[in-house]
């Protein structure tokens, strides 16, 4: 499970909401829906950045631990 901050929903969740918005609109957004889409798009981008940063932190942590010898061996 992702450990993103509470204010950032997972990108997949936001993506599903974007897809539902487009499906509900029938492929053409009203002005209100377009504003909602823009907000969702910004939220999705923030979620993707957070998820990538978390993956990079995890990868760096794994590299550090692999390079250290185990104690007691």
N, C-alpha and C. Protein backbone atom coordinates (compact mmCIF):
# COMPACT_ATOMS: atom_id res chain seq x y z
N UNK A 1 0.84 -1.18 0.00
CA UNK A 1 0.00 0.00 0.00
C UNK A 1 0.88 1.24 0.00
N UNK A 2 0.46 2.23 -0.73
CA UNK A 2 1.22 3.46 -0.86
C UNK A 2 1.14 4.29 0.41
N UNK A 3 2.26 4.95 0.73
CA UNK A 3 2.28 5.80 1.92
C UNK A 3 2.31 7.27 1.51
N UNK A 4 1.39 7.66 0.64
CA UNK A 4 1.33 9.06 0.23
C UNK A 4 0.64 9.85 1.33
N UNK A 5 0.94 11.15 1.42
CA UNK A 5 0.28 11.97 2.44
C UNK A 5 -1.23 11.91 2.26
N UNK A 6 -1.96 12.13 3.36
CA UNK A 6 -3.41 12.04 3.34
C UNK A 6 -4.03 13.01 2.33
N UNK A 7 -3.37 14.13 2.07
CA UNK A 7 -3.92 15.13 1.15
C UNK A 7 -3.73 14.73 -0.31
N UNK A 8 -2.93 13.70 -0.57
CA UNK A 8 -2.70 13.27 -1.94
C UNK A 8 -3.28 11.86 -2.10
N UNK A 9 -4.35 11.77 -2.91
CA UNK A 9 -4.94 10.46 -3.17
C UNK A 9 -4.07 9.73 -4.19
N UNK A 10 -4.13 8.41 -4.22
CA UNK A 10 -3.36 7.66 -5.21
C UNK A 10 -3.74 8.08 -6.63
N UNK A 11 -2.76 8.08 -7.52
CA UNK A 11 -2.98 8.48 -8.90
C UNK A 11 -4.06 7.62 -9.56
N UNK A 12 -4.09 6.34 -9.26
CA UNK A 12 -5.09 5.46 -9.86
C UNK A 12 -6.51 5.87 -9.46
N UNK A 13 -6.68 6.31 -8.24
CA UNK A 13 -7.99 6.76 -7.76
C UNK A 13 -8.44 8.01 -8.51
N UNK A 14 -7.52 8.96 -8.65
CA UNK A 14 -7.85 10.20 -9.35
C UNK A 14 -8.10 9.91 -10.83
N UNK A 15 -7.30 9.02 -11.41
CA UNK A 15 -7.48 8.65 -12.81
C UNK A 15 -8.86 8.05 -13.04
N UNK A 16 -9.30 7.21 -12.12
CA UNK A 16 -10.63 6.61 -12.25
C UNK A 16 -11.71 7.69 -12.20
N UNK A 17 -11.52 8.69 -11.36
CA UNK A 17 -12.48 9.78 -11.28
C UNK A 17 -12.49 10.61 -12.57
N UNK A 18 -11.31 10.81 -13.15
CA UNK A 18 -11.23 11.53 -14.43
C UNK A 18 -11.96 10.75 -15.52
N UNK A 19 -11.73 9.46 -15.58
CA UNK A 19 -12.41 8.63 -16.59
C UNK A 19 -13.92 8.65 -16.40
N UNK A 20 -14.37 8.60 -15.16
CA UNK A 20 -15.81 8.64 -14.87
C UNK A 20 -16.41 9.98 -15.29
N UNK A 21 -15.67 11.05 -15.06
CA UNK A 21 -16.14 12.38 -15.45
C UNK A 21 -16.35 12.45 -16.96
N UNK A 22 -15.37 11.96 -17.72
CA UNK A 22 -15.48 11.97 -19.18
C UNK A 22 -16.62 11.08 -19.65
N UNK A 23 -16.78 9.92 -19.04
CA UNK A 23 -17.84 9.00 -19.43
C UNK A 23 -19.21 9.62 -19.16
N UNK A 24 -19.34 10.25 -18.01
CA UNK A 24 -20.59 10.88 -17.62
C UNK A 24 -20.92 12.04 -18.56
N UNK A 25 -19.89 12.75 -19.00
CA UNK A 25 -20.09 13.92 -19.86
C UNK A 25 -20.33 13.53 -21.31
N UNK A 26 -20.13 12.29 -21.63
CA UNK A 26 -20.33 11.85 -23.01
C UNK A 26 -19.28 12.38 -23.97
N UNK A 27 -18.10 12.68 -23.44
CA UNK A 27 -17.00 13.12 -24.30
C UNK A 27 -16.91 14.61 -24.50
N UNK A 28 -17.86 15.36 -23.97
CA UNK A 28 -17.82 16.82 -24.10
C UNK A 28 -18.13 17.44 -22.74
N UNK A 29 -17.16 18.16 -22.18
CA UNK A 29 -17.30 18.71 -20.84
C UNK A 29 -17.97 20.08 -20.87
N UNK A 30 -18.85 20.29 -19.88
CA UNK A 30 -19.42 21.62 -19.67
C UNK A 30 -18.35 22.49 -19.02
N UNK A 31 -18.62 23.76 -18.85
CA UNK A 31 -17.66 24.66 -18.20
C UNK A 31 -17.35 24.20 -16.79
N UNK A 32 -18.38 23.80 -16.05
CA UNK A 32 -18.19 23.33 -14.67
C UNK A 32 -17.37 22.04 -14.67
N UNK A 33 -17.70 21.13 -15.58
CA UNK A 33 -16.96 19.87 -15.66
C UNK A 33 -15.51 20.10 -16.08
N UNK A 34 -15.30 21.07 -16.97
CA UNK A 34 -13.94 21.39 -17.41
C UNK A 34 -13.10 21.90 -16.24
N UNK A 35 -13.70 22.71 -15.38
CA UNK A 35 -12.99 23.18 -14.18
C UNK A 35 -12.67 22.01 -13.26
N UNK A 36 -13.63 21.12 -13.09
CA UNK A 36 -13.41 19.94 -12.26
C UNK A 36 -12.30 19.08 -12.86
N UNK A 37 -12.31 18.92 -14.17
CA UNK A 37 -11.27 18.16 -14.87
C UNK A 37 -9.89 18.76 -14.62
N UNK A 38 -9.78 20.08 -14.72
CA UNK A 38 -8.50 20.75 -14.49
C UNK A 38 -8.00 20.51 -13.07
N UNK A 39 -8.90 20.60 -12.10
CA UNK A 39 -8.51 20.33 -10.70
C UNK A 39 -8.05 18.88 -10.54
N UNK A 40 -8.80 17.95 -11.14
CA UNK A 40 -8.42 16.54 -11.06
C UNK A 40 -7.09 16.27 -11.74
N UNK A 41 -6.87 16.92 -12.87
CA UNK A 41 -5.62 16.74 -13.59
C UNK A 41 -4.43 17.20 -12.75
N UNK A 42 -4.57 18.33 -12.08
CA UNK A 42 -3.50 18.81 -11.19
C UNK A 42 -3.29 17.85 -10.02
N UNK A 43 -4.39 17.34 -9.47
CA UNK A 43 -4.28 16.39 -8.36
C UNK A 43 -3.60 15.10 -8.83
N UNK A 44 -3.95 14.64 -10.04
CA UNK A 44 -3.34 13.43 -10.58
C UNK A 44 -1.84 13.62 -10.76
N UNK A 45 -1.44 14.77 -11.31
CA UNK A 45 -0.02 15.04 -11.52
C UNK A 45 0.74 15.06 -10.19
N UNK A 46 0.14 15.66 -9.17
CA UNK A 46 0.78 15.69 -7.84
C UNK A 46 0.91 14.27 -7.28
N UNK A 47 -0.11 13.46 -7.48
CA UNK A 47 -0.07 12.08 -6.99
C UNK A 47 1.01 11.27 -7.69
N UNK A 48 1.14 11.45 -9.00
CA UNK A 48 2.17 10.75 -9.77
C UNK A 48 3.56 11.17 -9.28
N UNK A 49 3.76 12.48 -9.08
CA UNK A 49 5.06 12.95 -8.57
C UNK A 49 5.37 12.34 -7.22
N UNK A 50 4.39 12.30 -6.33
CA UNK A 50 4.60 11.74 -4.99
C UNK A 50 4.91 10.25 -5.07
N UNK A 51 4.18 9.53 -5.91
CA UNK A 51 4.41 8.09 -6.03
C UNK A 51 5.79 7.80 -6.63
N UNK A 52 6.22 8.61 -7.59
CA UNK A 52 7.57 8.43 -8.16
C UNK A 52 8.64 8.76 -7.13
N UNK A 53 8.43 9.81 -6.36
CA UNK A 53 9.41 10.19 -5.33
C UNK A 53 9.51 9.09 -4.28
N UNK A 54 8.37 8.53 -3.91
CA UNK A 54 8.38 7.45 -2.93
C UNK A 54 9.11 6.23 -3.47
N UNK A 55 8.89 5.90 -4.73
CA UNK A 55 9.58 4.77 -5.35
C UNK A 55 11.09 5.02 -5.39
N UNK A 56 11.49 6.24 -5.68
CA UNK A 56 12.92 6.57 -5.72
C UNK A 56 13.53 6.46 -4.33
N UNK A 57 12.81 6.93 -3.30
CA UNK A 57 13.32 6.81 -1.92
C UNK A 57 13.48 5.35 -1.53
N UNK A 58 12.51 4.53 -1.90
CA UNK A 58 12.56 3.11 -1.59
C UNK A 58 13.74 2.45 -2.29
N UNK A 59 13.94 2.81 -3.55
CA UNK A 59 15.04 2.25 -4.34
C UNK A 59 16.39 2.63 -3.73
N UNK A 60 16.54 3.90 -3.34
CA UNK A 60 17.79 4.35 -2.72
C UNK A 60 18.04 3.62 -1.42
N UNK A 61 16.99 3.43 -0.64
CA UNK A 61 17.12 2.75 0.65
C UNK A 61 17.58 1.30 0.43
N UNK A 62 17.01 0.64 -0.57
CA UNK A 62 17.41 -0.74 -0.88
C UNK A 62 18.87 -0.79 -1.30
N UNK A 63 19.33 0.17 -2.10
CA UNK A 63 20.72 0.20 -2.54
C UNK A 63 21.66 0.37 -1.35
N UNK A 64 21.30 1.23 -0.43
CA UNK A 64 22.13 1.47 0.76
C UNK A 64 22.25 0.19 1.58
N UNK A 65 21.12 -0.47 1.79
CA UNK A 65 21.13 -1.69 2.61
C UNK A 65 21.87 -2.83 1.93
N UNK A 66 21.81 -2.90 0.62
CA UNK A 66 22.53 -3.95 -0.10
C UNK A 66 24.03 -3.75 -0.05
N UNK A 67 24.46 -2.50 0.04
CA UNK A 67 25.90 -2.23 0.02
C UNK A 67 26.55 -2.43 1.40
N UNK A 68 25.76 -2.53 2.43
CA UNK A 68 26.29 -2.74 3.78
C UNK A 68 26.40 -4.22 4.09
N UNK A 69 27.52 -4.65 4.68
CA UNK A 69 27.63 -6.06 5.06
C UNK A 69 26.72 -6.37 6.24
N UNK A 70 26.22 -7.58 6.28
CA UNK A 70 25.39 -7.99 7.39
C UNK A 70 26.24 -8.21 8.62
N UNK A 71 25.74 -7.82 9.77
CA UNK A 71 26.45 -8.05 11.04
C UNK A 71 26.38 -9.51 11.41
N UNK A 72 27.44 -10.01 11.96
CA UNK A 72 27.45 -11.38 12.45
C UNK A 72 27.71 -12.43 11.38
N UNK A 73 28.17 -11.97 10.20
CA UNK A 73 28.44 -12.96 9.16
C UNK A 73 29.93 -13.11 8.98
